[in-house]
Amino acid sequence: MSTKQKTELEGQIISLREEYTAKAQPLQKEIQNRLQEEQNKLLGLIKQGIDAVAAKEKYDVILNANSVAFINPDNDISKLVLDQVGKTN
């Protein structure tokens, strides 16, 4: 393969890479937006589940497990919240 042919192929590869990038960016943004929408929906369902469990079990305060260094594992309401979220679907 001659030097001229190599240069032409390199130019074509660069052009194709730029074209791919230009087409991929909007798709990537759309994927990110949809992911964010679905995460927001899920977080909303979880919050509703937490609120329902808190009302039913008469909790005054519910903290994220990461918020407290020491917790009583017998008071973990995660399963109750998951069951509540499962009921809404």
C-alpha atoms as a PDB file:
ATOM      1  CA  MET A   1       0.000   0.000   0.000  1.00  0.00           C
ATOM      2  CA  SER A   2       1.412   3.349  -0.993  1.00  0.00           C
ATOM      3  CA  THR A   3       1.862   6.303   1.328  1.00  0.00           C
ATOM      4  CA  LYS A   4      -0.860   8.182  -0.535  1.00  0.00           C
ATOM      5  CA  GLN A   5      -3.325   5.302  -0.042  1.00  0.00           C
ATOM      6  CA  LYS A   6      -2.455   5.116   3.653  1.00  0.00           C
ATOM      7  CA  THR A   7      -3.028   8.855   4.050  1.00  0.00           C
ATOM      8  CA  GLU A   8      -6.379   8.604   2.250  1.00  0.00           C
ATOM      9  CA  LEU A   9      -7.474   5.689   4.449  1.00  0.00           C
ATOM     10  CA  GLU A  10      -6.417   7.548   7.583  1.00  0.00           C
ATOM     11  CA  GLY A  11      -8.461  10.539   6.407  1.00  0.00           C
ATOM     12  CA  GLN A  12     -11.475   8.294   5.806  1.00  0.00           C
ATOM     13  CA  ILE A  13     -11.103   6.723   9.246  1.00  0.00           C
ATOM     14  CA  ILE A  14     -10.909  10.135  10.906  1.00  0.00           C
ATOM     15  CA  SER A  15     -13.942  11.307   8.935  1.00  0.00           C
ATOM     16  CA  LEU A  16     -15.933   8.198   9.884  1.00  0.00           C
ATOM     17  CA  ARG A  17     -14.922   8.560  13.541  1.00  0.00           C
ATOM     18  CA  GLU A  18     -16.105  12.197  13.560  1.00  0.00           C
ATOM     19  CA  GLU A  19     -19.372  11.192  11.874  1.00  0.00           C
ATOM     20  CA  TYR A  20     -19.890   8.428  14.429  1.00  0.00           C
ATOM     21  CA  THR A  21     -19.219  10.821  17.309  1.00  0.00           C
ATOM     22  CA  ALA A  22     -21.644  13.381  15.896  1.00  0.00           C
ATOM     23  CA  LYS A  23     -24.358  10.728  15.629  1.00  0.00           C
ATOM     24  CA  ALA A  24     -23.606   9.103  18.974  1.00  0.00           C
ATOM     25  CA  GLN A  25     -23.724  12.254  21.117  1.00  0.00           C
ATOM     26  CA  PRO A  26     -27.466  12.972  20.719  1.00  0.00           C
ATOM     27  CA  LEU A  27     -28.262   9.310  21.339  1.00  0.00           C
ATOM     28  CA  GLN A  28     -26.118   9.286  24.469  1.00  0.00           C
ATOM     29  CA  LYS A  29     -27.905  12.412  25.731  1.00  0.00           C
ATOM     30  CA  GLU A  30     -31.280  10.790  25.071  1.00  0.00           C
ATOM     31  CA  ILE A  31     -30.215   7.674  26.955  1.00  0.00           C
ATOM     32  CA  GLN A  32     -29.048   9.785  29.908  1.00  0.00           C
ATOM     33  CA  ASN A  33     -32.344  11.712  29.940  1.00  0.00           C
ATOM     34  CA  ARG A  34     -34.413   8.515  29.904  1.00  0.00           C
ATOM     35  CA  LEU A  35     -32.258   7.000  32.634  1.00  0.00           C
ATOM     36  CA  GLN A  36     -32.769  10.103  34.769  1.00  0.00           C
ATOM     37  CA  GLU A  37     -36.546   9.980  34.167  1.00  0.00           C
ATOM     38  CA  GLU A  38     -36.744   6.335  35.228  1.00  0.00           C
ATOM     39  CA  GLN A  39     -34.558   6.936  38.284  1.00  0.00           C
ATOM     40  CA  ASN A  40     -36.799   9.833  39.301  1.00  0.00           C
ATOM     41  CA  LYS A  41     -39.891   7.638  38.925  1.00  0.00           C
ATOM     42  CA  LEU A  42     -38.309   4.916  41.045  1.00  0.00           C
ATOM     43  CA  LEU A  43     -37.187   7.382  43.711  1.00  0.00           C
ATOM     44  CA  GLY A  44     -40.726   8.777  43.794  1.00  0.00           C
ATOM     45  CA  LEU A  45     -42.156   5.300  44.322  1.00  0.00           C
ATOM     46  CA  ILE A  46     -39.641   4.607  47.072  1.00  0.00           C
ATOM     47  CA  LYS A  47     -40.489   7.898  48.789  1.00  0.00           C
ATOM     48  CA  GLN A  48     -44.195   7.059  48.622  1.00  0.00           C
ATOM     49  CA  GLY A  49     -43.423   3.631  50.076  1.00  0.00           C
ATOM     50  CA  ILE A  50     -41.386   5.166  52.889  1.00  0.00           C
ATOM     51  CA  ASP A  51     -44.139   7.677  53.628  1.00  0.00           C
ATOM     52  CA  ALA A  52     -46.779   4.923  53.693  1.00  0.00           C
ATOM     53  CA  VAL A  53     -44.720   2.702  56.006  1.00  0.00           C
ATOM     54  CA  ALA A  54     -43.892   5.664  58.241  1.00  0.00           C
ATOM     55  CA  ALA A  55     -47.569   6.557  58.563  1.00  0.00           C
ATOM     56  CA  LYS A  56     -48.686   2.966  59.100  1.00  0.00           C
ATOM     57  CA  GLU A  57     -45.964   2.145  61.640  1.00  0.00           C
ATOM     58  CA  LYS A  58     -46.183   5.619  63.246  1.00  0.00           C
ATOM     59  CA  TYR A  59     -42.522   6.527  62.719  1.00  0.00           C
ATOM     60  CA  ASP A  60     -41.597  10.119  63.535  1.00  0.00           C
ATOM     61  CA  VAL A  61     -38.238  10.099  61.764  1.00  0.00           C
ATOM     62  CA  ILE A  62     -36.764   7.829  59.113  1.00  0.00           C
ATOM     63  CA  LEU A  63     -33.119   8.234  58.177  1.00  0.00           C
ATOM     64  CA  ASN A  64     -31.146   6.728  55.361  1.00  0.00           C
ATOM     65  CA  ALA A  65     -29.012   3.851  56.661  1.00  0.00           C
ATOM     66  CA  ASN A  66     -25.906   5.798  55.619  1.00  0.00           C
ATOM     67  CA  SER A  67     -26.964   8.727  57.820  1.00  0.00           C
ATOM     68  CA  VAL A  68     -26.477   6.874  61.094  1.00  0.00           C
ATOM     69  CA  ALA A  69     -23.278   5.153  62.095  1.00  0.00           C
ATOM     70  CA  PHE A  70     -24.988   2.701  64.485  1.00  0.00           C
ATOM     71  CA  ILE A  71     -28.484   1.357  63.961  1.00  0.00           C
ATOM     72  CA  ASN A  72     -30.508  -1.505  65.322  1.00  0.00           C
ATOM     73  CA  PRO A  73     -30.821  -4.095  62.530  1.00  0.00           C
ATOM     74  CA  ASP A  74     -34.136  -5.223  64.029  1.00  0.00           C
ATOM     75  CA  ASN A  75     -35.598  -1.824  63.075  1.00  0.00           C
ATOM     76  CA  ASP A  76     -34.633  -2.000  59.401  1.00  0.00           C
ATOM     77  CA  ILE A  77     -37.752  -1.060  57.414  1.00  0.00           C
ATOM     78  CA  SER A  78     -36.218  -1.734  53.991  1.00  0.00           C
ATOM     79  CA  LYS A  79     -38.300  -4.890  53.440  1.00  0.00           C
ATOM     80  CA  LEU A  80     -41.497  -3.053  54.421  1.00  0.00           C
ATOM     81  CA  VAL A  81     -40.685  -0.247  51.967  1.00  0.00           C
ATOM     82  CA  LEU A  82     -39.893  -2.724  49.184  1.00  0.00           C
ATOM     83  CA  ASP A  83     -43.183  -4.531  49.833  1.00  0.00           C
ATOM     84  CA  GLN A  84     -45.039  -1.200  49.731  1.00  0.00           C
ATOM     85  CA  VAL A  85     -43.357  -0.157  46.473  1.00  0.00           C
ATOM     86  CA  GLY A  86     -44.210  -3.576  45.014  1.00  0.00           C
ATOM     87  CA  LYS A  87     -47.882  -2.971  45.794  1.00  0.00           C
ATOM     88  CA  THR A  88     -47.940   0.229  43.713  1.00  0.00           C
ATOM     89  CA  ASN A  89     -46.894  -1.535  40.512  1.00  0.00           C
END
